[in-house]
Amino acid sequence: MLWRVDTSVMFPGLERNTRPFVWYLAACSATYVVAHIIARKMKAWRPKSDVVADADLIFSLPMYSWMSFLACKGTAEVWDAGWEEHWFGSGGNSRQFTLLYAAMNLVHIPITLLKKQSTTYKALMTFHHILSISCMMTGILLNRMYFWGAFDGICEISTFCLTTLFCLKEFGGSGPVSKMLITINGVSLWLTYLIFRIFLFPTWLYCYVTEVQQNPAQTFESISMFERYMYPVVNVFLFFLSSHWMMQITAGMMKQLRKASVKKAANGDAHAHGEKNNGITDTDATKDTCAVDGDSNANARKKKEQ
């Protein structure tokens, strides 16, 4: 009984959030199992594919769309509610997002390690997951700071676009419609990365620092040392990590746009060349017809004279 009282004081969100967190963890795990079964069925016509990577793409589509919805709705719900709700509010969709995000990333760590990727990629993504989970789990255990987690979570809109792009490349085929969708999605990915990462993280830091300056005793001085500094540090890390990825995304988008431009120019040249050939053929046919008619008329006159 004494242990229960101590934990409720140290971690006021433990009893409240344990059951929904376990539910989200089970839901995420079940979703991946279904995605893995689908990926194994697809192996028959994709023999060289990585089943874990394919399953990760299928798994990520519903996960990131769900998280993006909860993050946007949770942030909008309390945007104008003031600092008290931002720092110590404990309800609504921002809490649901935090629970889902922590559970999904916990499930995603072994998936990241099992995929056929470079060691650098695995180390970077695992470090990212551990940092993010640490921040989210702190909010869950202490039952506060949900707004700041949801505010950050809006960045997952860009992750959803990235996942969609990979799905189109892996499963969409090589037809003209698929190529057009890949180009459109590549531009959408670039825009969402710019807005929901490169612009979002500095905006998050600005809002955080502004509320600290306006109400230091009620905000910054009322939370743990970990929360004070770890949350901003993670946002700085995510900003630089996203900036690195943004350069790669920009290069990929420009490459895709150049391909589309070259193909369009080639189709235009072929069309113009075809029209030119058709013009020559029609002219030659007219000349031949006139020549035949002229010969026929000459022969008729000779026969008449004879």
C-alpha atoms as a PDB file:
ATOM      1  CA  MET A   1       0.000   0.000   0.000  1.00  0.00           C
ATOM      2  CA  LEU A   2       2.846   2.352   0.892  1.00  0.00           C
ATOM      3  CA  TRP A   3       4.548   1.580  -2.466  1.00  0.00           C
ATOM      4  CA  ARG A   4       1.315   2.453  -4.262  1.00  0.00           C
ATOM      5  CA  VAL A   5       1.059   5.791  -2.479  1.00  0.00           C
ATOM      6  CA  ASP A   6       4.695   6.631  -3.241  1.00  0.00           C
ATOM      7  CA  THR A   7       4.340   5.865  -6.950  1.00  0.00           C
ATOM      8  CA  SER A   8       1.131   7.858  -7.191  1.00  0.00           C
ATOM      9  CA  VAL A   9       2.978  10.853  -5.758  1.00  0.00           C
ATOM     10  CA  MET A  10       6.087  10.403  -7.876  1.00  0.00           C
ATOM     11  CA  PHE A  11       4.198   9.467 -11.038  1.00  0.00           C
ATOM     12  CA  PRO A  12       0.668  10.900 -10.859  1.00  0.00           C
ATOM     13  CA  GLY A  13      -0.122   9.701 -14.388  1.00  0.00           C
ATOM     14  CA  LEU A  14       0.939   6.080 -13.879  1.00  0.00           C
ATOM     15  CA  GLU A  15      -2.367   4.644 -12.699  1.00  0.00           C
ATOM     16  CA  ARG A  16      -4.414   6.733 -15.118  1.00  0.00           C
ATOM     17  CA  ASN A  17      -2.344   6.074 -18.225  1.00  0.00           C
ATOM     18  CA  THR A  18      -1.125   2.488 -17.810  1.00  0.00           C
ATOM     19  CA  ARG A  19      -4.228   0.788 -19.202  1.00  0.00           C
ATOM     20  CA  PRO A  20      -4.677   3.036 -22.294  1.00  0.00           C
ATOM     21  CA  PHE A  21      -0.936   2.839 -23.016  1.00  0.00           C
ATOM     22  CA  VAL A  22      -1.042  -0.969 -22.940  1.00  0.00           C
ATOM     23  CA  TRP A  23      -4.104  -0.839 -25.216  1.00  0.00           C
ATOM     24  CA  TYR A  24      -2.270   1.378 -27.718  1.00  0.00           C
ATOM     25  CA  LEU A  25       0.786  -0.886 -27.515  1.00  0.00           C
ATOM     26  CA  ALA A  26      -1.362  -3.938 -28.282  1.00  0.00           C
ATOM     27  CA  ALA A  27      -3.132  -2.118 -31.140  1.00  0.00           C
ATOM     28  CA  CYS A  28       0.182  -1.060 -32.716  1.00  0.00           C
ATOM     29  CA  SER A  29       1.611  -4.574 -32.353  1.00  0.00           C
ATOM     30  CA  ALA A  30      -1.486  -6.136 -33.909  1.00  0.00           C
ATOM     31  CA  THR A  31      -1.373  -3.647 -36.786  1.00  0.00           C
ATOM     32  CA  TYR A  32       2.230  -4.606 -37.530  1.00  0.00           C
ATOM     33  CA  VAL A  33       1.403  -8.330 -37.405  1.00  0.00           C
ATOM     34  CA  VAL A  34      -1.328  -7.798 -40.026  1.00  0.00           C
ATOM     35  CA  ALA A  35       1.062  -5.669 -42.118  1.00  0.00           C
ATOM     36  CA  HIS A  36       3.710  -8.405 -41.914  1.00  0.00           C
ATOM     37  CA  ILE A  37       1.228 -11.058 -43.088  1.00  0.00           C
ATOM     38  CA  ILE A  38       0.275  -8.862 -46.071  1.00  0.00           C
ATOM     39  CA  ALA A  39       3.973  -8.280 -46.889  1.00  0.00           C
ATOM     40  CA  ARG A  40       4.653 -12.040 -46.839  1.00  0.00           C
ATOM     41  CA  LYS A  41       1.742 -12.600 -49.242  1.00  0.00           C
ATOM     42  CA  MET A  42       3.257  -9.971 -51.547  1.00  0.00           C
ATOM     43  CA  LYS A  43       6.615 -11.782 -51.493  1.00  0.00           C
ATOM     44  CA  ALA A  44       5.396 -14.084 -54.274  1.00  0.00           C
ATOM     45  CA  TRP A  45       5.554 -11.276 -56.860  1.00  0.00           C
ATOM     46  CA  ARG A  46       8.331  -9.331 -55.098  1.00  0.00           C
ATOM     47  CA  PRO A  47      10.957 -12.066 -54.506  1.00  0.00           C
ATOM     48  CA  LYS A  48      13.842  -9.630 -53.942  1.00  0.00           C
ATOM     49  CA  SER A  49      11.940  -7.438 -51.518  1.00  0.00           C
ATOM     50  CA  ASP A  50      12.627  -7.022 -47.803  1.00  0.00           C
ATOM     51  CA  VAL A  51       9.527  -8.344 -46.044  1.00  0.00           C
ATOM     52  CA  VAL A  52      10.210  -6.337 -42.881  1.00  0.00           C
ATOM     53  CA  ALA A  53      10.646  -3.114 -44.877  1.00  0.00           C
ATOM     54  CA  ASP A  54       7.439  -3.752 -46.864  1.00  0.00           C
ATOM     55  CA  ALA A  55       5.555  -4.523 -43.662  1.00  0.00           C
ATOM     56  CA  ASP A  56       6.922  -1.333 -42.117  1.00  0.00           C
ATOM     57  CA  LEU A  57       5.501   0.731 -45.005  1.00  0.00           C
ATOM     58  CA  ILE A  58       2.088  -0.927 -44.744  1.00  0.00           C
ATOM     59  CA  PHE A  59       2.149  -0.529 -40.948  1.00  0.00           C
ATOM     60  CA  SER A  60       3.225   3.114 -41.105  1.00  0.00           C
ATOM     61  CA  LEU A  61       0.399   4.376 -43.337  1.00  0.00           C
ATOM     62  CA  PRO A  62      -2.411   3.981 -40.758  1.00  0.00           C
ATOM     63  CA  MET A  63      -0.117   4.811 -37.842  1.00  0.00           C
ATOM     64  CA  TYR A  64       1.143   8.157 -39.159  1.00  0.00           C
ATOM     65  CA  SER A  65      -2.246   9.200 -40.490  1.00  0.00           C
ATOM     66  CA  TRP A  66      -3.787   8.446 -37.078  1.00  0.00           C
ATOM     67  CA  MET A  67      -1.031  10.291 -35.218  1.00  0.00           C
ATOM     68  CA  SER A  68      -1.218  13.306 -37.544  1.00  0.00           C
ATOM     69  CA  PHE A  69      -4.961  13.598 -36.952  1.00  0.00           C
ATOM     70  CA  LEU A  70      -4.636  13.388 -33.159  1.00  0.00           C
ATOM     71  CA  ALA A  71      -1.701  15.833 -33.089  1.00  0.00           C
ATOM     72  CA  CYS A  72      -3.514  18.471 -35.142  1.00  0.00           C
ATOM     73  CA  LYS A  73      -6.775  18.095 -33.268  1.00  0.00           C
ATOM     74  CA  GLY A  74      -5.092  18.008 -29.858  1.00  0.00           C
ATOM     75  CA  THR A  75      -3.062  21.146 -30.592  1.00  0.00           C
ATOM     76  CA  ALA A  76      -6.049  23.046 -31.987  1.00  0.00           C
ATOM     77  CA  GLU A  77      -8.243  22.145 -29.003  1.00  0.00           C
ATOM     78  CA  VAL A  78      -6.138  24.045 -26.460  1.00  0.00           C
ATOM     79  CA  TRP A  79      -4.200  26.490 -28.655  1.00  0.00           C
ATOM     80  CA  ASP A  80      -5.977  29.515 -27.163  1.00  0.00           C
ATOM     81  CA  ALA A  81      -6.479  28.024 -23.708  1.00  0.00           C
ATOM     82  CA  GLY A  82      -3.399  29.652 -22.144  1.00  0.00           C
ATOM     83  CA  TRP A  83      -0.249  28.481 -20.408  1.00  0.00           C
ATOM     84  CA  GLU A  84      -1.991  26.498 -17.660  1.00  0.00           C
ATOM     85  CA  GLU A  85      -3.648  24.145 -20.127  1.00  0.00           C
ATOM     86  CA  HIS A  86      -0.477  23.966 -22.223  1.00  0.00           C
ATOM     87  CA  TRP A  87       1.679  22.870 -19.307  1.00  0.00           C
ATOM     88  CA  PHE A  88      -0.676  21.045 -16.951  1.00  0.00           C
ATOM     89  CA  GLY A  89      -3.732  20.137 -19.026  1.00  0.00           C
ATOM     90  CA  SER A  90      -4.276  16.395 -18.931  1.00  0.00           C
ATOM     91  CA  GLY A  91      -7.146  15.571 -21.269  1.00  0.00           C
ATOM     92  CA  GLY A  92      -8.273  15.594 -24.862  1.00  0.00           C
ATOM     93  CA  ASN A  93      -6.645  14.418 -28.056  1.00  0.00           C
ATOM     94  CA  SER A  94      -3.187  15.724 -27.120  1.00  0.00           C
ATOM     95  CA  ARG A  95      -3.034  13.037 -24.405  1.00  0.00           C
ATOM     96  CA  GLN A  96      -4.276  10.398 -26.852  1.00  0.00           C
ATOM     97  CA  PHE A  97      -1.569  11.420 -29.309  1.00  0.00           C
ATOM     98  CA  THR A  98       1.148  11.165 -26.652  1.00  0.00           C
ATOM     99  CA  LEU A  99       0.039   7.654 -25.680  1.00  0.00           C
ATOM    100  CA  LEU A 100      -0.133   6.490 -29.300  1.00  0.00           C
ATOM    101  CA  TYR A 101       3.206   8.064 -30.225  1.00  0.00           C
ATOM    102  CA  ALA A 102       5.074   6.419 -27.342  1.00  0.00           C
ATOM    103  CA  ALA A 103       3.507   3.010 -28.046  1.00  0.00           C
ATOM    104  CA  MET A 104       4.080   3.170 -31.809  1.00  0.00           C
ATOM    105  CA  ASN A 105       7.732   4.170 -31.485  1.00  0.00           C
ATOM    106  CA  LEU A 106       8.334   1.445 -28.915  1.00  0.00           C
ATOM    107  CA  VAL A 107       7.005  -1.116 -31.418  1.00  0.00           C
ATOM    108  CA  HIS A 108       9.018   0.489 -34.211  1.00  0.00           C
ATOM    109  CA  ILE A 109      12.448   0.126 -32.554  1.00  0.00           C
ATOM    110  CA  PRO A 110      12.817  -3.645 -33.290  1.00  0.00           C
ATOM    111  CA  ILE A 111      11.380  -3.078 -36.780  1.00  0.00           C
ATOM    112  CA  THR A 112      14.091  -0.483 -37.457  1.00  0.00           C
ATOM    113  CA  LEU A 113      16.804  -2.857 -36.277  1.00  0.00           C
ATOM    114  CA  LEU A 114      15.492  -5.772 -38.387  1.00  0.00           C
ATOM    115  CA  LYS A 115      15.238  -3.867 -41.672  1.00  0.00           C
ATOM    116  CA  LYS A 116      17.991  -4.143 -44.278  1.00  0.00           C
ATOM    117  CA  GLN A 117      19.411  -0.655 -43.770  1.00  0.00           C
ATOM    118  CA  SER A 118      22.825   0.807 -43.080  1.00  0.00           C
ATOM    119  CA  THR A 119      24.166   0.757 -39.528  1.00  0.00           C
ATOM    120  CA  THR A 120      24.279   4.559 -39.518  1.00  0.00           C
ATOM    121  CA  TYR A 121      20.592   4.786 -40.418  1.00  0.00           C
ATOM    122  CA  LYS A 122      19.642   2.252 -37.749  1.00  0.00           C
ATOM    123  CA  ALA A 123      21.690   4.044 -35.081  1.00  0.00           C
ATOM    124  CA  LEU A 124      20.264   7.452 -35.989  1.00  0.00           C
ATOM    125  CA  MET A 125      16.653   6.275 -36.060  1.00  0.00           C
ATOM    126  CA  THR A 126      17.003   4.275 -32.837  1.00  0.00           C
ATOM    127  CA  PHE A 127      18.506   7.300 -31.088  1.00  0.00           C
ATOM    128  CA  HIS A 128      15.632   9.421 -32.405  1.00  0.00           C
ATOM    129  CA  HIS A 129      13.066   6.916 -31.101  1.00  0.00           C
ATOM    130  CA  ILE A 130      14.684   6.693 -27.654  1.00  0.00           C
ATOM    131  CA  LEU A 131      14.782  10.485 -27.277  1.00  0.00           C
ATOM    132  CA  SER A 132      11.180  10.881 -28.402  1.00  0.00           C
ATOM    133  CA  ILE A 133       9.890   8.031 -26.229  1.00  0.00           C
ATOM    134  CA  SER A 134      11.745   9.423 -23.192  1.00  0.00           C
ATOM    135  CA  CYS A 135      10.021  12.791 -23.563  1.00  0.00           C
ATOM    136  CA  MET A 136       6.582  11.318 -24.236  1.00  0.00           C
ATOM    137  CA  MET A 137       6.800   8.786 -21.411  1.00  0.00           C
ATOM    138  CA  THR A 138       7.812  11.533 -18.986  1.00  0.00           C
ATOM    139  CA  GLY A 139       4.646  13.439 -19.879  1.00  0.00           C
ATOM    140  CA  ILE A 140       2.570  10.253 -19.517  1.00  0.00           C
ATOM    141  CA  LEU A 141       4.023   9.368 -16.100  1.00  0.00           C
ATOM    142  CA  LEU A 142       3.772  12.925 -14.758  1.00  0.00           C
ATOM    143  CA  ASN A 143       0.410  13.557 -16.451  1.00  0.00           C
ATOM    144  CA  ARG A 144       1.302  16.923 -17.982  1.00  0.00           C
ATOM    145  CA  MET A 145       2.906  18.681 -20.995  1.00  0.00           C
ATOM    146  CA  TYR A 146       0.614  16.870 -23.442  1.00  0.00           C
ATOM    147  CA  PHE A 147       0.095  20.018 -25.506  1.00  0.00           C
ATOM    148  CA  TRP A 148       3.813  20.347 -26.252  1.00  0.00           C
ATOM    149  CA  GLY A 149       3.976  16.711 -27.337  1.00  0.00           C
ATOM    150  CA  ALA A 150       1.014  17.131 -29.690  1.00  0.00           C
ATOM    151  CA  PHE A 151       2.413  20.421 -31.014  1.00  0.00           C
ATOM    152  CA  ASP A 152       5.619  18.611 -31.942  1.00  0.00           C
ATOM    153  CA  GLY A 153       3.622  15.699 -33.334  1.00  0.00           C
ATOM    154  CA  ILE A 154       2.221  17.802 -36.175  1.00  0.00           C
ATOM    155  CA  CYS A 155       5.539  17.027 -37.915  1.00  0.00           C
ATOM    156  CA  GLU A 156       4.233  13.505 -38.572  1.00  0.00           C
ATOM    157  CA  ILE A 157       2.180  14.922 -41.453  1.00  0.00           C
ATOM    158  CA  SER A 158       5.443  15.021 -43.418  1.00  0.00           C
ATOM    159  CA  THR A 159       6.238  11.444 -42.336  1.00  0.00           C
ATOM    160  CA  PHE A 160       2.873  10.323 -43.707  1.00  0.00           C
ATOM    161  CA  CYS A 161       3.714  11.960 -47.069  1.00  0.00           C
ATOM    162  CA  LEU A 162       7.132  10.267 -47.031  1.00  0.00           C
ATOM    163  CA  THR A 163       5.554   6.881 -46.336  1.00  0.00           C
ATOM    164  CA  THR A 164       3.040   7.417 -49.147  1.00  0.00           C
ATOM    165  CA  LEU A 165       5.881   8.243 -51.541  1.00  0.00           C
ATOM    166  CA  PHE A 166       7.760   5.065 -50.627  1.00  0.00           C
ATOM    167  CA  CYS A 167       4.565   3.009 -51.039  1.00  0.00           C
ATOM    168  CA  LEU A 168       4.013   4.440 -54.517  1.00  0.00           C
ATOM    169  CA  LYS A 169       7.593   3.621 -55.497  1.00  0.00           C
ATOM    170  CA  GLU A 170       7.490   0.113 -54.067  1.00  0.00           C
ATOM    171  CA  PHE A 171       3.947  -0.993 -54.898  1.00  0.00           C
ATOM    172  CA  GLY A 172       2.663   1.469 -57.499  1.00  0.00           C
ATOM    173  CA  GLY A 173       4.226  -0.016 -60.617  1.00  0.00           C
ATOM    174  CA  SER A 174       5.976   1.879 -63.399  1.00  0.00           C
ATOM    175  CA  GLY A 175       3.082   3.189 -65.477  1.00  0.00           C
ATOM    176  CA  PRO A 176       2.522   6.856 -66.409  1.00  0.00           C
ATOM    177  CA  VAL A 177      -0.144   7.361 -63.724  1.00  0.00           C
ATOM    178  CA  SER A 178       2.169   5.985 -61.040  1.00  0.00           C
ATOM    179  CA  LYS A 179       5.026   8.220 -62.205  1.00  0.00           C
ATOM    180  CA  MET A 180       2.751  11.255 -62.162  1.00  0.00           C
ATOM    181  CA  LEU A 181       1.589  10.436 -58.610  1.00  0.00           C
ATOM    182  CA  ILE A 182       5.194   9.985 -57.475  1.00  0.00           C
ATOM    183  CA  THR A 183       6.099  13.419 -58.859  1.00  0.00           C
ATOM    184  CA  ILE A 184       3.088  15.067 -57.205  1.00  0.00           C
ATOM    185  CA  ASN A 185       3.769  13.331 -53.914  1.00  0.00           C
ATOM    186  CA  GLY A 186       7.449  14.300 -54.075  1.00  0.00           C
ATOM    187  CA  VAL A 187       6.499  17.971 -54.296  1.00  0.00           C
ATOM    188  CA  SER A 188       3.962  17.505 -51.474  1.00  0.00           C
ATOM    189  CA  LEU A 189       6.643  15.875 -49.341  1.00  0.00           C
ATOM    190  CA  TRP A 190       8.996  18.803 -49.900  1.00  0.00           C
ATOM    191  CA  LEU A 191       6.283  21.314 -48.923  1.00  0.00           C
ATOM    192  CA  THR A 192       5.194  19.399 -45.809  1.00  0.00           C
ATOM    193  CA  TYR A 193       8.806  18.966 -44.681  1.00  0.00           C
ATOM    194  CA  LEU A 194       9.372  22.687 -45.071  1.00  0.00           C
ATOM    195  CA  ILE A 195       6.194  23.717 -43.231  1.00  0.00           C
ATOM    196  CA  PHE A 196       5.793  20.965 -40.637  1.00  0.00           C
ATOM    197  CA  ARG A 197       9.455  20.471 -39.740  1.00  0.00           C
ATOM    198  CA  ILE A 198      11.792  23.274 -40.806  1.00  0.00           C
ATOM    199  CA  PHE A 199       9.242  25.942 -39.760  1.00  0.00           C
ATOM    200  CA  LEU A 200       7.494  23.964 -37.015  1.00  0.00           C
ATOM    201  CA  PHE A 201      10.406  23.224 -34.654  1.00  0.00           C
ATOM    202  CA  PRO A 202      11.620  26.855 -34.382  1.00  0.00           C
ATOM    203  CA  THR A 203       7.983  27.899 -33.866  1.00  0.00           C
ATOM    204  CA  TRP A 204       7.663  25.330 -31.075  1.00  0.00           C
ATOM    205  CA  LEU A 205      10.811  26.691 -29.405  1.00  0.00           C
ATOM    206  CA  TYR A 206       9.572  30.268 -29.736  1.00  0.00           C
ATOM    207  CA  CYS A 207       6.200  29.442 -28.109  1.00  0.00           C
ATOM    208  CA  TYR A 208       7.893  27.447 -25.342  1.00  0.00           C
ATOM    209  CA  VAL A 209      10.384  30.209 -24.489  1.00  0.00           C
ATOM    210  CA  THR A 210       7.668  32.897 -24.684  1.00  0.00           C
ATOM    211  CA  GLU A 211       5.471  31.141 -22.125  1.00  0.00           C
ATOM    212  CA  VAL A 212       8.481  30.551 -19.879  1.00  0.00           C
ATOM    213  CA  GLN A 213       9.367  34.244 -19.982  1.00  0.00           C
ATOM    214  CA  GLN A 214       5.797  35.341 -19.281  1.00  0.00           C
ATOM    215  CA  ASN A 215       5.135  32.899 -16.418  1.00  0.00           C
ATOM    216  CA  PRO A 216       8.463  31.476 -15.184  1.00  0.00           C
ATOM    217  CA  ALA A 217       7.337  30.473 -11.697  1.00  0.00           C
ATOM    218  CA  GLN A 218       4.165  28.730 -12.881  1.00  0.00           C
ATOM    219  CA  THR A 219       5.775  26.960 -15.846  1.00  0.00           C
ATOM    220  CA  PHE A 220       9.536  26.462 -16.032  1.00  0.00           C
ATOM    221  CA  GLU A 221      10.141  26.367 -12.288  1.00  0.00           C
ATOM    222  CA  SER A 222       7.222  24.009 -11.650  1.00  0.00           C
ATOM    223  CA  ILE A 223       8.472  21.094 -13.762  1.00  0.00           C
ATOM    224  CA  SER A 224      11.401  18.705 -13.487  1.00  0.00           C
ATOM    225  CA  MET A 225      14.916  19.469 -14.676  1.00  0.00           C
ATOM    226  CA  PHE A 226      14.548  16.826 -17.381  1.00  0.00           C
ATOM    227  CA  GLU A 227      11.435  18.482 -18.803  1.00  0.00           C
ATOM    228  CA  ARG A 228      12.923  21.970 -18.630  1.00  0.00           C
ATOM    229  CA  TYR A 229      15.869  21.235 -20.859  1.00  0.00           C
ATOM    230  CA  MET A 230      15.288  17.898 -22.573  1.00  0.00           C
ATOM    231  CA  TYR A 231      12.197  19.007 -24.482  1.00  0.00           C
ATOM    232  CA  PRO A 232      13.902  22.024 -26.116  1.00  0.00           C
ATOM    233  CA  VAL A 233      17.098  20.019 -26.764  1.00  0.00           C
ATOM    234  CA  VAL A 234      15.124  17.302 -28.566  1.00  0.00           C
ATOM    235  CA  ASN A 235      13.483  19.961 -30.751  1.00  0.00           C
ATOM    236  CA  VAL A 236      16.882  21.404 -31.661  1.00  0.00           C
ATOM    237  CA  PHE A 237      18.095  17.889 -32.507  1.00  0.00           C
ATOM    238  CA  LEU A 238      14.991  17.239 -34.634  1.00  0.00           C
ATOM    239  CA  PHE A 239      15.457  20.538 -36.436  1.00  0.00           C
ATOM    240  CA  PHE A 240      19.028  19.721 -37.493  1.00  0.00           C
ATOM    241  CA  LEU A 241      18.106  16.127 -38.334  1.00  0.00           C
ATOM    242  CA  SER A 242      15.184  17.342 -40.457  1.00  0.00           C
ATOM    243  CA  SER A 243      17.434  19.918 -42.148  1.00  0.00           C
ATOM    244  CA  HIS A 244      19.791  17.102 -43.141  1.00  0.00           C
ATOM    245  CA  TRP A 245      16.883  15.074 -44.529  1.00  0.00           C
ATOM    246  CA  MET A 246      15.468  18.173 -46.228  1.00  0.00           C
ATOM    247  CA  MET A 247      18.589  18.435 -48.389  1.00  0.00           C
ATOM    248  CA  GLN A 248      18.141  14.828 -49.519  1.00  0.00           C
ATOM    249  CA  ILE A 249      14.426  15.354 -50.178  1.00  0.00           C
ATOM    250  CA  THR A 250      15.154  18.508 -52.187  1.00  0.00           C
ATOM    251  CA  ALA A 251      17.713  16.654 -54.309  1.00  0.00           C
ATOM    252  CA  GLY A 252      15.242  13.799 -54.894  1.00  0.00           C
ATOM    253  CA  MET A 253      12.420  16.176 -55.830  1.00  0.00           C
ATOM    254  CA  MET A 254      14.594  18.086 -58.310  1.00  0.00           C
ATOM    255  CA  LYS A 255      15.719  14.813 -59.875  1.00  0.00           C
ATOM    256  CA  GLN A 256      12.110  13.676 -60.269  1.00  0.00           C
ATOM    257  CA  LEU A 257      11.058  17.038 -61.746  1.00  0.00           C
ATOM    258  CA  ARG A 258      13.957  16.937 -64.228  1.00  0.00           C
ATOM    259  CA  LYS A 259      12.914  13.441 -65.314  1.00  0.00           C
ATOM    260  CA  ALA A 260       9.334  14.623 -65.833  1.00  0.00           C
ATOM    261  CA  SER A 261      10.545  17.698 -67.746  1.00  0.00           C
ATOM    262  CA  VAL A 262      12.840  15.668 -70.018  1.00  0.00           C
ATOM    263  CA  LYS A 263      10.079  13.155 -70.724  1.00  0.00           C
ATOM    264  CA  LYS A 264       7.624  15.949 -71.550  1.00  0.00           C
ATOM    265  CA  ALA A 265      10.145  17.581 -73.900  1.00  0.00           C
ATOM    266  CA  ALA A 266      10.851  14.228 -75.577  1.00  0.00           C
ATOM    267  CA  ASN A 267       7.134  13.607 -76.107  1.00  0.00           C
ATOM    268  CA  GLY A 268       6.767  17.102 -77.577  1.00  0.00           C
ATOM    269  CA  ASP A 269       9.629  16.539 -80.024  1.00  0.00           C
ATOM    270  CA  ALA A 270       8.195  13.183 -81.062  1.00  0.00           C
ATOM    271  CA  HIS A 271       4.782  14.750 -81.650  1.00  0.00           C
ATOM    272  CA  ALA A 272       6.270  17.569 -83.735  1.00  0.00           C
ATOM    273  CA  HIS A 273       8.378  15.110 -85.735  1.00  0.00           C
ATOM    274  CA  GLY A 274       5.294  12.989 -86.403  1.00  0.00           C
ATOM    275  CA  GLU A 275       3.326  15.993 -87.680  1.00  0.00           C
ATOM    276  CA  LYS A 276       6.219  16.935 -89.974  1.00  0.00           C
ATOM    277  CA  ASN A 277       6.360  13.414 -91.429  1.00  0.00           C
ATOM    278  CA  ASN A 278       2.620  13.423 -91.937  1.00  0.00           C
ATOM    279  CA  GLY A 279       2.871  16.699 -93.853  1.00  0.00           C
ATOM    280  CA  ILE A 280       5.530  15.314 -96.191  1.00  0.00           C
ATOM    281  CA  THR A 281       3.532  12.169 -96.831  1.00  0.00           C
ATOM    282  CA  ASP A 282       0.386  14.109 -97.693  1.00  0.00           C
ATOM    283  CA  THR A 283       2.295  16.349-100.123  1.00  0.00           C
ATOM    284  CA  ASP A 284       3.956  13.410-101.842  1.00  0.00           C
ATOM    285  CA  ALA A 285       0.628  11.628-102.156  1.00  0.00           C
ATOM    286  CA  THR A 286      -0.948  14.682-103.781  1.00  0.00           C
ATOM    287  CA  LYS A 287       1.918  14.945-106.275  1.00  0.00           C
ATOM    288  CA  ASP A 288       1.643  11.259-107.154  1.00  0.00           C
ATOM    289  CA  THR A 289      -2.110  11.544-107.675  1.00  0.00           C
ATOM    290  CA  CYS A 290      -1.666  14.543-109.980  1.00  0.00           C
ATOM    291  CA  ALA A 291       1.015  12.719-111.977  1.00  0.00           C
ATOM    292  CA  VAL A 292      -1.217   9.674-112.445  1.00  0.00           C
ATOM    293  CA  ASP A 293      -4.137  11.847-113.551  1.00  0.00           C
ATOM    294  CA  GLY A 294      -1.878  13.675-116.028  1.00  0.00           C
ATOM    295  CA  ASP A 295      -0.644  10.423-117.580  1.00  0.00           C
ATOM    296  CA  SER A 296      -4.187   9.101-117.888  1.00  0.00           C
ATOM    297  CA  ASN A 297      -5.347  12.267-119.684  1.00  0.00           C
ATOM    298  CA  ALA A 298      -2.407  12.136-122.114  1.00  0.00           C
ATOM    299  CA  ASN A 299      -3.101   8.513-123.015  1.00  0.00           C
ATOM    300  CA  ALA A 300      -6.771   9.284-123.609  1.00  0.00           C
ATOM    301  CA  ARG A 301      -5.905  12.099-126.054  1.00  0.00           C
ATOM    302  CA  LYS A 302      -3.534   9.848-128.035  1.00  0.00           C
ATOM    303  CA  LYS A 303      -6.207   7.190-128.412  1.00  0.00           C
ATOM    304  CA  LYS A 304      -8.736   9.766-129.585  1.00  0.00           C
ATOM    305  CA  GLU A 305      -6.338  11.145-132.244  1.00  0.00           C
ATOM    306  CA  GLN A 306      -5.658   7.619-133.549  1.00  0.00           C
END
